[in-house]
Amino acid sequence: MKTTRVESSVSRFQLPKLAAVALGGLLLAACAGNPPKEQFAVTESAVREAVSAGGTEYAPVEMRAAQQKWRQAELAMQKEEFDEARKLAEQAEWDARVAERKARAAKAQKAVDEARQGVEDLREESMRGLQ
């Protein structure tokens, strides 16, 4: 009697790779199902920092975008659309960071301009004293 050996379509070398891919997929699926609490905390902090830096005054477009995306992220979170909430929170964080940096740069530029004007005023005053 002759026995035939049927080889598996998955070799013993491919099995660990397939297991790793399956495990990675499970981890991604598990992460996608969890509320993005950490990202929300980071975003909330970034929005607060941008507001305190003067973002609403010096970078109103970016600040408005950050606040709108933040509200949309909160709504997505309430609907348990966690992937969308995470994406919107990340975008809101970066918009807020841009607003904060623009505000800080505008304030620094304003301070430089005021210092230049002060130097110019002193120069003019000293010239009047010499005459």
C-alpha atoms as a PDB file:
ATOM      1  CA  MET A   1       0.000   0.000   0.000  1.00  0.00           C
ATOM      2  CA  LYS A   2       1.320   3.340  -1.008  1.00  0.00           C
ATOM      3  CA  THR A   3       0.699   6.414   1.116  1.00  0.00           C
ATOM      4  CA  THR A   4       0.739   9.883  -0.307  1.00  0.00           C
ATOM      5  CA  ARG A   5       1.843  12.805   1.668  1.00  0.00           C
ATOM      6  CA  VAL A   6      -0.083  16.024   1.269  1.00  0.00           C
ATOM      7  CA  GLU A   7       1.981  19.054   2.070  1.00  0.00           C
ATOM      8  CA  SER A   8       0.371  21.932   3.822  1.00  0.00           C
ATOM      9  CA  SER A   9       0.052  25.153   1.851  1.00  0.00           C
ATOM     10  CA  VAL A  10       1.646  26.920   4.810  1.00  0.00           C
ATOM     11  CA  SER A  11       5.225  25.994   5.459  1.00  0.00           C
ATOM     12  CA  ARG A  12       6.590  25.833   8.944  1.00  0.00           C
ATOM     13  CA  PHE A  13       8.599  28.987   8.214  1.00  0.00           C
ATOM     14  CA  GLN A  14       5.545  30.988   7.150  1.00  0.00           C
ATOM     15  CA  LEU A  15       3.500  30.066  10.220  1.00  0.00           C
ATOM     16  CA  PRO A  16       5.306  32.430  12.647  1.00  0.00           C
ATOM     17  CA  LYS A  17       4.939  35.281  10.145  1.00  0.00           C
ATOM     18  CA  LEU A  18       1.225  34.633   9.765  1.00  0.00           C
ATOM     19  CA  ALA A  19       0.807  34.478  13.530  1.00  0.00           C
ATOM     20  CA  ALA A  20       2.611  37.798  13.922  1.00  0.00           C
ATOM     21  CA  VAL A  21       0.429  39.436  11.263  1.00  0.00           C
ATOM     22  CA  ALA A  22      -2.724  38.072  12.890  1.00  0.00           C
ATOM     23  CA  LEU A  23      -1.615  39.270  16.313  1.00  0.00           C
ATOM     24  CA  GLY A  24      -0.790  42.712  14.909  1.00  0.00           C
ATOM     25  CA  GLY A  25      -4.220  42.897  13.322  1.00  0.00           C
ATOM     26  CA  LEU A  26      -5.873  41.983  16.604  1.00  0.00           C
ATOM     27  CA  LEU A  27      -3.881  44.647  18.437  1.00  0.00           C
ATOM     28  CA  LEU A  28      -4.860  47.272  15.875  1.00  0.00           C
ATOM     29  CA  ALA A  29      -8.484  46.268  16.113  1.00  0.00           C
ATOM     30  CA  ALA A  30      -8.337  46.436  19.895  1.00  0.00           C
ATOM     31  CA  CYS A  31      -6.786  49.918  19.768  1.00  0.00           C
ATOM     32  CA  ALA A  32      -9.384  51.104  17.282  1.00  0.00           C
ATOM     33  CA  GLY A  33     -12.137  50.083  19.667  1.00  0.00           C
ATOM     34  CA  ASN A  34     -10.767  52.027  22.614  1.00  0.00           C
ATOM     35  CA  PRO A  35     -11.603  55.650  23.321  1.00  0.00           C
ATOM     36  CA  PRO A  36      -8.619  57.921  22.603  1.00  0.00           C
ATOM     37  CA  LYS A  37      -8.484  59.294  26.154  1.00  0.00           C
ATOM     38  CA  GLU A  38      -4.753  60.050  26.094  1.00  0.00           C
ATOM     39  CA  GLN A  39      -4.998  61.912  22.786  1.00  0.00           C
ATOM     40  CA  PHE A  40      -7.948  63.893  24.125  1.00  0.00           C
ATOM     41  CA  ALA A  41      -5.931  64.969  27.160  1.00  0.00           C
ATOM     42  CA  VAL A  42      -3.036  66.063  24.930  1.00  0.00           C
ATOM     43  CA  THR A  43      -5.372  67.945  22.585  1.00  0.00           C
ATOM     44  CA  GLU A  44      -7.198  69.685  25.409  1.00  0.00           C
ATOM     45  CA  SER A  45      -3.868  70.831  26.826  1.00  0.00           C
ATOM     46  CA  ALA A  46      -2.686  72.079  23.410  1.00  0.00           C
ATOM     47  CA  VAL A  47      -5.901  74.074  22.879  1.00  0.00           C
ATOM     48  CA  ARG A  48      -5.620  75.641  26.346  1.00  0.00           C
ATOM     49  CA  GLU A  49      -1.983  76.572  25.755  1.00  0.00           C
ATOM     50  CA  ALA A  50      -2.857  78.147  22.412  1.00  0.00           C
ATOM     51  CA  VAL A  51      -5.618  80.217  23.986  1.00  0.00           C
ATOM     52  CA  SER A  52      -3.376  81.382  26.831  1.00  0.00           C
ATOM     53  CA  ALA A  53      -0.622  82.264  24.335  1.00  0.00           C
ATOM     54  CA  GLY A  54      -3.031  84.573  22.519  1.00  0.00           C
ATOM     55  CA  GLY A  55      -4.014  82.279  19.671  1.00  0.00           C
ATOM     56  CA  THR A  56      -7.490  83.762  19.371  1.00  0.00           C
ATOM     57  CA  GLU A  57      -5.996  87.230  18.857  1.00  0.00           C
ATOM     58  CA  TYR A  58      -2.842  86.481  16.848  1.00  0.00           C
ATOM     59  CA  ALA A  59      -3.833  83.288  14.964  1.00  0.00           C
ATOM     60  CA  PRO A  60      -7.637  83.355  14.719  1.00  0.00           C
ATOM     61  CA  VAL A  61      -7.910  81.113  11.645  1.00  0.00           C
ATOM     62  CA  GLU A  62      -5.813  78.322  13.144  1.00  0.00           C
ATOM     63  CA  MET A  63      -7.475  78.717  16.531  1.00  0.00           C
ATOM     64  CA  ARG A  64     -10.940  78.494  15.005  1.00  0.00           C
ATOM     65  CA  ALA A  65      -9.918  75.364  13.065  1.00  0.00           C
ATOM     66  CA  ALA A  66      -8.534  73.766  16.232  1.00  0.00           C
ATOM     67  CA  GLN A  67     -11.675  74.514  18.222  1.00  0.00           C
ATOM     68  CA  GLN A  68     -14.002  73.263  15.464  1.00  0.00           C
ATOM     69  CA  LYS A  69     -12.079  70.006  15.061  1.00  0.00           C
ATOM     70  CA  TRP A  70     -11.995  69.628  18.838  1.00  0.00           C
ATOM     71  CA  ARG A  71     -15.810  69.928  18.997  1.00  0.00           C
ATOM     72  CA  GLN A  72     -16.152  67.432  16.136  1.00  0.00           C
ATOM     73  CA  ALA A  73     -13.824  65.033  17.953  1.00  0.00           C
ATOM     74  CA  GLU A  74     -15.949  65.287  21.092  1.00  0.00           C
ATOM     75  CA  LEU A  75     -19.094  64.545  19.065  1.00  0.00           C
ATOM     76  CA  ALA A  76     -17.414  61.547  17.414  1.00  0.00           C
ATOM     77  CA  MET A  77     -16.385  60.324  20.868  1.00  0.00           C
ATOM     78  CA  GLN A  78     -19.987  60.549  22.075  1.00  0.00           C
ATOM     79  CA  LYS A  79     -21.066  58.489  19.061  1.00  0.00           C
ATOM     80  CA  GLU A  80     -18.290  56.001  19.926  1.00  0.00           C
ATOM     81  CA  GLU A  81     -16.617  56.605  16.554  1.00  0.00           C
ATOM     82  CA  PHE A  82     -13.211  56.298  18.167  1.00  0.00           C
ATOM     83  CA  ASP A  83     -11.066  56.249  15.023  1.00  0.00           C
ATOM     84  CA  GLU A  84     -12.701  59.442  13.766  1.00  0.00           C
ATOM     85  CA  ALA A  85     -12.469  61.011  17.221  1.00  0.00           C
ATOM     86  CA  ARG A  86      -8.756  60.200  17.433  1.00  0.00           C
ATOM     87  CA  LYS A  87      -8.078  61.593  13.950  1.00  0.00           C
ATOM     88  CA  LEU A  88      -9.959  64.825  14.633  1.00  0.00           C
ATOM     89  CA  ALA A  89      -8.314  65.243  18.045  1.00  0.00           C
ATOM     90  CA  GLU A  90      -4.871  64.861  16.471  1.00  0.00           C
ATOM     91  CA  GLN A  91      -5.720  67.452  13.822  1.00  0.00           C
ATOM     92  CA  ALA A  92      -7.078  69.809  16.479  1.00  0.00           C
ATOM     93  CA  GLU A  93      -3.887  69.363  18.500  1.00  0.00           C
ATOM     94  CA  TRP A  94      -1.681  70.333  15.564  1.00  0.00           C
ATOM     95  CA  ASP A  95      -3.880  73.283  14.601  1.00  0.00           C
ATOM     96  CA  ALA A  96      -3.672  74.476  18.203  1.00  0.00           C
ATOM     97  CA  ARG A  97       0.108  74.070  18.237  1.00  0.00           C
ATOM     98  CA  VAL A  98       0.371  76.132  15.035  1.00  0.00           C
ATOM     99  CA  ALA A  99      -1.868  78.806  16.570  1.00  0.00           C
ATOM    100  CA  GLU A 100       0.248  78.868  19.729  1.00  0.00           C
ATOM    101  CA  ARG A 101       3.498  79.232  17.798  1.00  0.00           C
ATOM    102  CA  LYS A 102       2.058  81.927  15.542  1.00  0.00           C
ATOM    103  CA  ALA A 103       0.814  83.836  18.570  1.00  0.00           C
ATOM    104  CA  ARG A 104       4.172  83.593  20.343  1.00  0.00           C
ATOM    105  CA  ALA A 105       5.982  84.701  17.163  1.00  0.00           C
ATOM    106  CA  ALA A 106       3.608  87.638  16.694  1.00  0.00           C
ATOM    107  CA  LYS A 107       4.113  88.717  20.307  1.00  0.00           C
ATOM    108  CA  ALA A 108       7.881  88.452  19.922  1.00  0.00           C
ATOM    109  CA  GLN A 109       7.748  90.509  16.723  1.00  0.00           C
ATOM    110  CA  LYS A 110       5.626  93.109  18.482  1.00  0.00           C
ATOM    111  CA  ALA A 111       8.187  93.317  21.312  1.00  0.00           C
ATOM    112  CA  VAL A 112      11.006  93.744  18.777  1.00  0.00           C
ATOM    113  CA  ASP A 113       9.079  96.490  16.982  1.00  0.00           C
ATOM    114  CA  GLU A 114       8.408  98.284  20.270  1.00  0.00           C
ATOM    115  CA  ALA A 115      12.067  98.012  21.261  1.00  0.00           C
ATOM    116  CA  ARG A 116      13.143  99.434  17.893  1.00  0.00           C
ATOM    117  CA  GLN A 117      10.690 102.289  18.282  1.00  0.00           C
ATOM    118  CA  GLY A 118      12.035 102.946  21.783  1.00  0.00           C
ATOM    119  CA  VAL A 119      15.593 103.075  20.477  1.00  0.00           C
ATOM    120  CA  GLU A 120      14.513 105.405  17.673  1.00  0.00           C
ATOM    121  CA  ASP A 121      12.709 107.670  20.162  1.00  0.00           C
ATOM    122  CA  LEU A 122      15.816 107.814  22.372  1.00  0.00           C
ATOM    123  CA  ARG A 123      18.005 108.580  19.375  1.00  0.00           C
ATOM    124  CA  GLU A 124      15.731 111.434  18.292  1.00  0.00           C
ATOM    125  CA  GLU A 125      15.580 112.799  21.829  1.00  0.00           C
ATOM    126  CA  SER A 126      19.352 112.733  22.194  1.00  0.00           C
ATOM    127  CA  MET A 127      19.722 114.513  18.851  1.00  0.00           C
ATOM    128  CA  ARG A 128      17.389 117.290  20.052  1.00  0.00           C
ATOM    129  CA  GLY A 129      19.506 117.698  23.172  1.00  0.00           C
ATOM    130  CA  LEU A 130      22.620 118.218  21.118  1.00  0.00           C
ATOM    131  CA  GLN A 131      21.131 121.084  19.127  1.00  0.00           C
END
